[in-house]
C-alpha atoms as a PDB file:
ATOM      1  CA  MET A   1      64.127 116.936  73.789  1.00  0.00           C
ATOM      2  CA  ASN A   2      66.053 114.969  76.432  1.00  0.00           C
ATOM      3  CA  PHE A   3      63.270 112.489  76.762  1.00  0.00           C
ATOM      4  CA  TYR A   4      63.129 111.758  72.986  1.00  0.00           C
ATOM      5  CA  SER A   5      66.900 111.619  72.553  1.00  0.00           C
ATOM      6  CA  GLY A   6      67.248 109.114  75.456  1.00  0.00           C
ATOM      7  CA  LEU A   7      64.949 106.652  73.676  1.00  0.00           C
ATOM      8  CA  ASP A   8      66.039 103.763  71.464  1.00  0.00           C
ATOM      9  CA  ALA A   9      66.087 104.486  67.730  1.00  0.00           C
ATOM     10  CA  ASP A  10      63.154 102.105  67.134  1.00  0.00           C
ATOM     11  CA  VAL A  11      60.989 103.920  69.658  1.00  0.00           C
ATOM     12  CA  GLN A  12      62.009 107.281  68.166  1.00  0.00           C
ATOM     13  CA  GLU A  13      60.951 105.970  64.730  1.00  0.00           C
ATOM     14  CA  LYS A  14      57.550 104.944  66.100  1.00  0.00           C
ATOM     15  CA  ILE A  15      57.075 108.343  67.711  1.00  0.00           C
ATOM     16  CA  ASP A  16      58.014 110.057  64.399  1.00  0.00           C
ATOM     17  CA  TRP A  17      55.475 107.834  62.615  1.00  0.00           C
ATOM     18  CA  VAL A  18      52.668 108.748  64.950  1.00  0.00           C
ATOM     19  CA  PHE A  19      53.522 112.405  64.667  1.00  0.00           C
ATOM     20  CA  GLU A  20      53.427 112.135  60.865  1.00  0.00           C
ATOM     21  CA  ILE A  21      49.928 110.629  61.114  1.00  0.00           C
ATOM     22  CA  ILE A  22      48.797 113.529  63.370  1.00  0.00           C
ATOM     23  CA  LYS A  23      50.246 116.026  60.950  1.00  0.00           C
ATOM     24  CA  THR A  24      48.748 114.595  57.770  1.00  0.00           C
ATOM     25  CA  VAL A  25      45.225 113.265  58.543  1.00  0.00           C
ATOM     26  CA  ASP A  26      42.116 115.415  58.840  1.00  0.00           C
ATOM     27  CA  ILE A  27      40.619 113.351  61.676  1.00  0.00           C
ATOM     28  CA  ILE A  28      43.204 111.915  64.078  1.00  0.00           C
ATOM     29  CA  PRO A  29      42.246 108.378  65.305  1.00  0.00           C
ATOM     30  CA  LYS A  30      41.499 108.221  68.953  1.00  0.00           C
ATOM     31  CA  LYS A  31      44.023 105.432  69.204  1.00  0.00           C
ATOM     32  CA  PHE A  32      46.758 108.101  68.767  1.00  0.00           C
ATOM     33  CA  PHE A  33      45.250 111.302  70.139  1.00  0.00           C
ATOM     34  CA  GLU A  34      42.596 111.982  72.750  1.00  0.00           C
ATOM     35  CA  HIS A  35      41.431 114.614  75.205  1.00  0.00           C
ATOM     36  CA  LEU A  36      42.284 113.902  78.837  1.00  0.00           C
ATOM     37  CA  SER A  37      38.971 114.088  80.663  1.00  0.00           C
ATOM     38  CA  GLY A  38      38.999 116.429  83.656  1.00  0.00           C
ATOM     39  CA  SER A  39      41.896 118.442  82.205  1.00  0.00           C
ATOM     40  CA  ASP A  40      41.931 122.021  80.971  1.00  0.00           C
ATOM     41  CA  GLY A  41      42.225 121.336  77.234  1.00  0.00           C
ATOM     42  CA  ILE A  42      45.127 118.837  77.553  1.00  0.00           C
ATOM     43  CA  TYR A  43      45.459 116.035  75.003  1.00  0.00           C
ATOM     44  CA  ALA A  44      47.554 112.928  74.971  1.00  0.00           C
ATOM     45  CA  ILE A  45      49.433 111.656  71.968  1.00  0.00           C
ATOM     46  CA  ARG A  46      49.600 107.912  72.487  1.00  0.00           C
ATOM     47  CA  ILE A  47      52.504 105.808  71.299  1.00  0.00           C
ATOM     48  CA  GLU A  48      52.733 102.044  71.895  1.00  0.00           C
ATOM     49  CA  PHE A  49      55.924 100.214  71.077  1.00  0.00           C
ATOM     50  CA  GLU A  50      56.275  96.551  71.958  1.00  0.00           C
ATOM     51  CA  SER A  51      55.154  96.397  75.617  1.00  0.00           C
ATOM     52  CA  ASN A  52      55.954 100.061  76.303  1.00  0.00           C
ATOM     53  CA  ILE A  53      53.491 102.911  76.327  1.00  0.00           C
ATOM     54  CA  PHE A  54      54.567 106.529  75.907  1.00  0.00           C
ATOM     55  CA  ARG A  55      52.545 109.738  76.183  1.00  0.00           C
ATOM     56  CA  VAL A  56      53.230 113.175  74.879  1.00  0.00           C
ATOM     57  CA  LEU A  57      50.857 115.764  76.463  1.00  0.00           C
ATOM     58  CA  CYS A  58      49.924 118.742  74.372  1.00  0.00           C
ATOM     59  CA  PHE A  59      47.308 121.403  73.718  1.00  0.00           C
ATOM     60  CA  TYR A  60      45.894 123.468  70.765  1.00  0.00           C
ATOM     61  CA  ASP A  61      46.910 127.059  70.099  1.00  0.00           C
ATOM     62  CA  LYS A  62      44.982 128.954  67.308  1.00  0.00           C
ATOM     63  CA  GLY A  63      42.875 126.023  66.258  1.00  0.00           C
ATOM     64  CA  ASN A  64      45.202 123.689  64.471  1.00  0.00           C
ATOM     65  CA  ILE A  65      48.637 124.247  66.079  1.00  0.00           C
ATOM     66  CA  ILE A  66      49.476 121.538  68.542  1.00  0.00           C
ATOM     67  CA  VAL A  67      51.951 122.530  71.230  1.00  0.00           C
ATOM     68  CA  LEU A  68      53.829 119.648  72.760  1.00  0.00           C
ATOM     69  CA  ILE A  69      54.548 120.250  76.397  1.00  0.00           C
ATOM     70  CA  ASN A  70      55.741 117.146  78.283  1.00  0.00           C
ATOM     71  CA  SER A  71      56.271 113.440  77.693  1.00  0.00           C
ATOM     72  CA  PHE A  72      56.780 110.329  79.732  1.00  0.00           C
ATOM     73  CA  GLN A  73      56.694 106.558  79.694  1.00  0.00           C
ATOM     74  CA  LYS A  74      53.341 105.451  81.084  1.00  0.00           C
ATOM     75  CA  LYS A  75      53.501 102.713  83.654  1.00  0.00           C
ATOM     76  CA  THR A  76      49.947 102.741  85.031  1.00  0.00           C
ATOM     77  CA  GLN A  77      46.477 102.442  83.581  1.00  0.00           C
ATOM     78  CA  LYS A  78      45.540 106.089  84.070  1.00  0.00           C
ATOM     79  CA  THR A  79      47.653 109.094  83.147  1.00  0.00           C
ATOM     80  CA  PRO A  80      49.383 110.156  86.385  1.00  0.00           C
ATOM     81  CA  PRO A  81      47.645 113.290  87.897  1.00  0.00           C
ATOM     82  CA  LYS A  82      51.008 114.894  88.464  1.00  0.00           C
ATOM     83  CA  GLU A  83      51.764 114.750  84.686  1.00  0.00           C
ATOM     84  CA  ILE A  84      48.349 116.333  83.907  1.00  0.00           C
ATOM     85  CA  ALA A  85      49.003 119.035  86.541  1.00  0.00           C
ATOM     86  CA  LEU A  86      52.457 119.726  84.991  1.00  0.00           C
ATOM     87  CA  ALA A  87      50.898 119.949  81.541  1.00  0.00           C
ATOM     88  CA  GLU A  88      48.263 122.418  82.711  1.00  0.00           C
ATOM     89  CA  LYS A  89      50.941 124.567  84.451  1.00  0.00           C
ATOM     90  CA  LEU A  90      53.117 124.580  81.314  1.00  0.00           C
ATOM     91  CA  LYS A  91      50.094 125.476  79.086  1.00  0.00           C
ATOM     92  CA  LYS A  92      49.261 128.399  81.381  1.00  0.00           C
ATOM     93  CA  GLN A  93      52.900 129.586  81.308  1.00  0.00           C
ATOM     94  CA  TYR A  94      53.010 129.206  77.503  1.00  0.00           C
ATOM     95  CA  PHE A  95      50.067 131.583  77.093  1.00  0.00           C
ATOM     96  CA  ILE A  96      51.558 134.068  79.638  1.00  0.00           C
ATOM     97  CA  ASP A  97      54.833 134.071  77.759  1.00  0.00           C
ATOM     98  CA  LYS A  98      53.081 134.386  74.423  1.00  0.00           C
ATOM     99  CA  LYS A  99      51.086 137.392  75.602  1.00  0.00           C
ATOM    100  CA  ILE A 100      54.372 139.012  76.875  1.00  0.00           C
ATOM    101  CA  ASP A 101      56.061 138.363  73.556  1.00  0.00           C
ATOM    102  CA  GLU A 102      53.139 139.827  71.583  1.00  0.00           C
ATOM    103  CA  GLU A 103      53.105 142.905  73.828  1.00  0.00           C
ATOM    104  CA  ASN A 104      56.866 143.368  73.336  1.00  0.00           C
ATOM    105  CA  GLU A 105      56.438 143.113  69.562  1.00  0.00           C
ATOM    106  CA  ARG A 106      53.650 145.728  69.707  1.00  0.00           C
ATOM    107  CA  ILE A 107      55.884 148.096  71.663  1.00  0.00           C
ATOM    108  CA  LYS A 108      58.747 147.580  69.162  1.00  0.00           C
ATOM    109  CA  LYS A 109      56.497 148.542  66.237  1.00  0.00           C
ATOM    110  CA  ILE A 110      55.313 151.633  68.099  1.00  0.00           C
ATOM    111  CA  LYS A 111      58.870 152.795  68.782  1.00  0.00           C
ATOM    112  CA  LYS A 112      59.923 152.486  65.104  1.00  0.00           C
END
């Protein structure tokens, strides 16, 4: 969490507040959470604090689990394509690693 820990306490508090909304409401307002069009299932958590805009990119796993994968301070109108590409790469790696972990667990159970 280097990105998070490097932010001012007020910004961290706002991020925590937005995360709490996402965790507790049934329908997340688009103001805070939206699908990035043209991406492979990547969503952006949107945080605005004063004149700063922050994004935490994420995706769903098993329906309601949101996996946070990268974050940045947004300085342009559109989400930078390199950030979306990085998020898609990290998502792909997450599922590869998850499959490997599940296979290793299955093997451990067989050996017992």
